[in-house]
Amino acid sequence: MGEYANQPWYIEGIKKYIEKYGEVPPPWIFAPEFHPYSMGWRMGDGESHIMFLSEWMSQQKMNFDEKVAYLHRYPAPPRWYQWMVSFLWENLPDDMEDEDYLPFFAKLDELGFKLSHQFQEDIDRKDLE
């Protein structure tokens, strides 16, 4: 278990997610109006969601196929594909450049996530928080 597992605020928050979704959903379900690089993920409700998600994921100990199934339950906008790569393939370098993701986008395509060709257009959107 992670650092928040026994905290009352975590236990109460997780109950709400489980009641609504049966699990903790990925970020784009929680706040579809947020860009992946939004400040909203580093403060307030977005930050809390990431904390809940990270703690819950550490408890699930999903294997690769289970992670793929989890992502298929929540189709992601293409702007979240870099996050998906980091979620599926752990221990990647923190300093990956956009072009470093291309081989992984091809793998996502093979796994049934077919919108990687729309990544750049979607990540460049200006109408998101």
C-alpha atoms as a PDB file:
ATOM      1  CA  MET A   1       0.000   0.000   0.000  1.00  0.00           C
ATOM      2  CA  GLY A   2       1.093   3.520  -0.681  1.00  0.00           C
ATOM      3  CA  GLU A   3       1.428   6.513   1.547  1.00  0.00           C
ATOM      4  CA  TYR A   4      -2.269   7.505   1.516  1.00  0.00           C
ATOM      5  CA  ALA A   5      -3.966   4.109   1.821  1.00  0.00           C
ATOM      6  CA  ASN A   6      -4.930   4.493   5.479  1.00  0.00           C
ATOM      7  CA  GLN A   7      -5.760   8.188   5.407  1.00  0.00           C
ATOM      8  CA  PRO A   8      -9.447   8.934   6.127  1.00  0.00           C
ATOM      9  CA  TRP A   9      -9.675  11.456   3.253  1.00  0.00           C
ATOM     10  CA  TYR A  10      -8.338   8.833   0.844  1.00  0.00           C
ATOM     11  CA  ILE A  11     -10.659   6.084   2.086  1.00  0.00           C
ATOM     12  CA  GLU A  12     -13.689   8.386   1.797  1.00  0.00           C
ATOM     13  CA  GLY A  13     -12.698   9.642  -1.656  1.00  0.00           C
ATOM     14  CA  ILE A  14     -12.055   6.158  -3.027  1.00  0.00           C
ATOM     15  CA  LYS A  15     -15.509   5.049  -1.885  1.00  0.00           C
ATOM     16  CA  LYS A  16     -17.050   7.732  -4.095  1.00  0.00           C
ATOM     17  CA  TYR A  17     -15.084   6.627  -7.158  1.00  0.00           C
ATOM     18  CA  ILE A  18     -15.883   2.958  -6.565  1.00  0.00           C
ATOM     19  CA  GLU A  19     -19.591   3.711  -6.162  1.00  0.00           C
ATOM     20  CA  LYS A  20     -19.671   5.715  -9.388  1.00  0.00           C
ATOM     21  CA  TYR A  21     -17.220   3.833 -11.642  1.00  0.00           C
ATOM     22  CA  GLY A  22     -16.288   0.595  -9.889  1.00  0.00           C
ATOM     23  CA  GLU A  23     -12.678   1.848  -9.962  1.00  0.00           C
ATOM     24  CA  VAL A  24     -10.760   5.120 -10.220  1.00  0.00           C
ATOM     25  CA  PRO A  25     -11.048   6.459 -13.770  1.00  0.00           C
ATOM     26  CA  PRO A  26      -8.164   7.979 -15.737  1.00  0.00           C
ATOM     27  CA  PRO A  27      -7.666  11.756 -15.761  1.00  0.00           C
ATOM     28  CA  TRP A  28      -9.568  12.499 -18.987  1.00  0.00           C
ATOM     29  CA  ILE A  29     -12.742  11.036 -17.491  1.00  0.00           C
ATOM     30  CA  PHE A  30     -12.414  13.067 -14.292  1.00  0.00           C
ATOM     31  CA  ALA A  31     -11.788  16.386 -16.058  1.00  0.00           C
ATOM     32  CA  PRO A  32     -12.258  16.144 -19.834  1.00  0.00           C
ATOM     33  CA  GLU A  33     -11.869  19.918 -20.144  1.00  0.00           C
ATOM     34  CA  PHE A  34      -8.303  19.789 -18.781  1.00  0.00           C
ATOM     35  CA  HIS A  35      -5.318  19.643 -21.097  1.00  0.00           C
ATOM     36  CA  PRO A  36      -2.763  17.002 -19.981  1.00  0.00           C
ATOM     37  CA  TYR A  37      -0.349  19.818 -19.071  1.00  0.00           C
ATOM     38  CA  SER A  38      -2.957  21.906 -17.251  1.00  0.00           C
ATOM     39  CA  MET A  39      -2.139  23.476 -13.896  1.00  0.00           C
ATOM     40  CA  GLY A  40      -5.396  21.859 -12.822  1.00  0.00           C
ATOM     41  CA  TRP A  41      -3.528  18.563 -12.377  1.00  0.00           C
ATOM     42  CA  ARG A  42      -1.068  20.202  -9.972  1.00  0.00           C
ATOM     43  CA  MET A  43      -3.546  21.881  -7.656  1.00  0.00           C
ATOM     44  CA  GLY A  44      -7.108  21.541  -6.408  1.00  0.00           C
ATOM     45  CA  ASP A  45      -9.442  18.748  -7.478  1.00  0.00           C
ATOM     46  CA  GLY A  46      -7.236  17.670 -10.380  1.00  0.00           C
ATOM     47  CA  GLU A  47      -4.256  17.187  -8.092  1.00  0.00           C
ATOM     48  CA  SER A  48      -6.449  15.228  -5.674  1.00  0.00           C
ATOM     49  CA  HIS A  49      -7.671  13.007  -8.496  1.00  0.00           C
ATOM     50  CA  ILE A  50      -4.101  12.211  -9.547  1.00  0.00           C
ATOM     51  CA  MET A  51      -3.291  11.353  -5.922  1.00  0.00           C
ATOM     52  CA  PHE A  52      -6.321   9.048  -5.693  1.00  0.00           C
ATOM     53  CA  LEU A  53      -5.488   7.455  -9.036  1.00  0.00           C
ATOM     54  CA  SER A  54      -1.812   6.915  -8.215  1.00  0.00           C
ATOM     55  CA  GLU A  55      -2.556   5.407  -4.817  1.00  0.00           C
ATOM     56  CA  TRP A  56      -5.329   3.198  -6.175  1.00  0.00           C
ATOM     57  CA  MET A  57      -3.140   2.004  -9.063  1.00  0.00           C
ATOM     58  CA  SER A  58      -0.326   1.124  -6.656  1.00  0.00           C
ATOM     59  CA  GLN A  59      -2.775  -1.135  -4.833  1.00  0.00           C
ATOM     60  CA  GLN A  60      -4.116  -2.826  -7.974  1.00  0.00           C
ATOM     61  CA  LYS A  61      -0.792  -4.157  -9.226  1.00  0.00           C
ATOM     62  CA  MET A  62      -2.209  -4.546 -12.745  1.00  0.00           C
ATOM     63  CA  ASN A  63      -0.227  -6.458 -15.319  1.00  0.00           C
ATOM     64  CA  PHE A  64       0.170  -5.095 -18.846  1.00  0.00           C
ATOM     65  CA  ASP A  65      -2.970  -6.759 -20.244  1.00  0.00           C
ATOM     66  CA  GLU A  66      -5.060  -5.525 -17.313  1.00  0.00           C
ATOM     67  CA  LYS A  67      -3.791  -1.995 -17.896  1.00  0.00           C
ATOM     68  CA  VAL A  68      -4.734  -2.226 -21.579  1.00  0.00           C
ATOM     69  CA  ALA A  69      -8.229  -3.431 -20.629  1.00  0.00           C
ATOM     70  CA  TYR A  70      -8.557  -0.562 -18.128  1.00  0.00           C
ATOM     71  CA  LEU A  71      -7.678   1.968 -20.849  1.00  0.00           C
ATOM     72  CA  HIS A  72     -10.124   0.388 -23.303  1.00  0.00           C
ATOM     73  CA  ARG A  73     -12.912   0.952 -20.776  1.00  0.00           C
ATOM     74  CA  TYR A  74     -12.197   4.691 -20.961  1.00  0.00           C
ATOM     75  CA  PRO A  75     -11.394   5.718 -24.553  1.00  0.00           C
ATOM     76  CA  ALA A  76      -8.867   8.534 -24.408  1.00  0.00           C
ATOM     77  CA  PRO A  77      -8.598  11.643 -26.509  1.00  0.00           C
ATOM     78  CA  PRO A  78      -5.352  11.488 -28.515  1.00  0.00           C
ATOM     79  CA  ARG A  79      -3.786  14.258 -26.395  1.00  0.00           C
ATOM     80  CA  TRP A  80      -3.573  11.705 -23.566  1.00  0.00           C
ATOM     81  CA  TYR A  81      -1.582   9.135 -25.556  1.00  0.00           C
ATOM     82  CA  GLN A  82       1.752  10.149 -24.022  1.00  0.00           C
ATOM     83  CA  TRP A  83       0.246   9.584 -20.576  1.00  0.00           C
ATOM     84  CA  MET A  84      -1.019   6.195 -21.752  1.00  0.00           C
ATOM     85  CA  VAL A  85       2.479   5.253 -22.932  1.00  0.00           C
ATOM     86  CA  SER A  86       3.927   6.108 -19.523  1.00  0.00           C
ATOM     87  CA  PHE A  87       1.125   4.187 -17.826  1.00  0.00           C
ATOM     88  CA  LEU A  88       1.614   1.040 -19.911  1.00  0.00           C
ATOM     89  CA  TRP A  89       5.395   1.019 -20.235  1.00  0.00           C
ATOM     90  CA  GLU A  90       6.852   1.810 -16.840  1.00  0.00           C
ATOM     91  CA  ASN A  91      10.361   3.092 -16.179  1.00  0.00           C
ATOM     92  CA  LEU A  92      10.628   5.159 -19.348  1.00  0.00           C
ATOM     93  CA  PRO A  93      13.019   8.124 -19.203  1.00  0.00           C
ATOM     94  CA  ASP A  94      11.491  11.304 -17.795  1.00  0.00           C
ATOM     95  CA  ASP A  95      13.075  13.389 -20.542  1.00  0.00           C
ATOM     96  CA  MET A  96      11.383  11.755 -23.536  1.00  0.00           C
ATOM     97  CA  GLU A  97      10.827  14.084 -26.487  1.00  0.00           C
ATOM     98  CA  ASP A  98       7.729  13.921 -28.681  1.00  0.00           C
ATOM     99  CA  GLU A  99       9.541  11.869 -31.335  1.00  0.00           C
ATOM    100  CA  ASP A 100      10.561   9.314 -28.686  1.00  0.00           C
ATOM    101  CA  TYR A 101       6.903   8.422 -28.289  1.00  0.00           C
ATOM    102  CA  LEU A 102       6.379   7.509 -31.951  1.00  0.00           C
ATOM    103  CA  PRO A 103       7.359   3.819 -31.624  1.00  0.00           C
ATOM    104  CA  PHE A 104       5.038   3.561 -28.634  1.00  0.00           C
ATOM    105  CA  PHE A 105       2.220   5.240 -30.554  1.00  0.00           C
ATOM    106  CA  ALA A 106       2.618   2.487 -33.157  1.00  0.00           C
ATOM    107  CA  LYS A 107       2.307  -0.072 -30.353  1.00  0.00           C
ATOM    108  CA  LEU A 108      -0.797   1.698 -29.055  1.00  0.00           C
ATOM    109  CA  ASP A 109      -2.256   1.410 -32.544  1.00  0.00           C
ATOM    110  CA  GLU A 110      -1.580  -2.344 -32.495  1.00  0.00           C
ATOM    111  CA  LEU A 111      -3.371  -2.535 -29.137  1.00  0.00           C
ATOM    112  CA  GLY A 112      -6.481  -0.924 -30.623  1.00  0.00           C
ATOM    113  CA  PHE A 113      -5.897   2.719 -29.696  1.00  0.00           C
ATOM    114  CA  LYS A 114      -6.154   4.106 -33.209  1.00  0.00           C
ATOM    115  CA  LEU A 115      -5.985   7.890 -32.770  1.00  0.00           C
ATOM    116  CA  SER A 116      -2.240   8.483 -32.464  1.00  0.00           C
ATOM    117  CA  HIS A 117      -2.227  10.167 -35.888  1.00  0.00           C
ATOM    118  CA  GLN A 118      -4.374  12.900 -34.281  1.00  0.00           C
ATOM    119  CA  PHE A 119      -2.063  13.442 -31.292  1.00  0.00           C
ATOM    120  CA  GLN A 120      -0.334  16.644 -32.437  1.00  0.00           C
ATOM    121  CA  GLU A 121      -3.518  18.380 -33.507  1.00  0.00           C
ATOM    122  CA  ASP A 122      -5.246  17.423 -30.258  1.00  0.00           C
ATOM    123  CA  ILE A 123      -2.350  18.320 -27.931  1.00  0.00           C
ATOM    124  CA  ASP A 124      -2.122  21.745 -29.627  1.00  0.00           C
ATOM    125  CA  ARG A 125      -5.762  22.626 -28.894  1.00  0.00           C
ATOM    126  CA  LYS A 126      -6.220  26.044 -27.309  1.00  0.00           C
ATOM    127  CA  ASP A 127      -9.777  25.558 -26.051  1.00  0.00           C
ATOM    128  CA  LEU A 128      -8.816  23.412 -23.039  1.00  0.00           C
ATOM    129  CA  GLU A 129      -7.909  24.504 -19.529  1.00  0.00           C
END
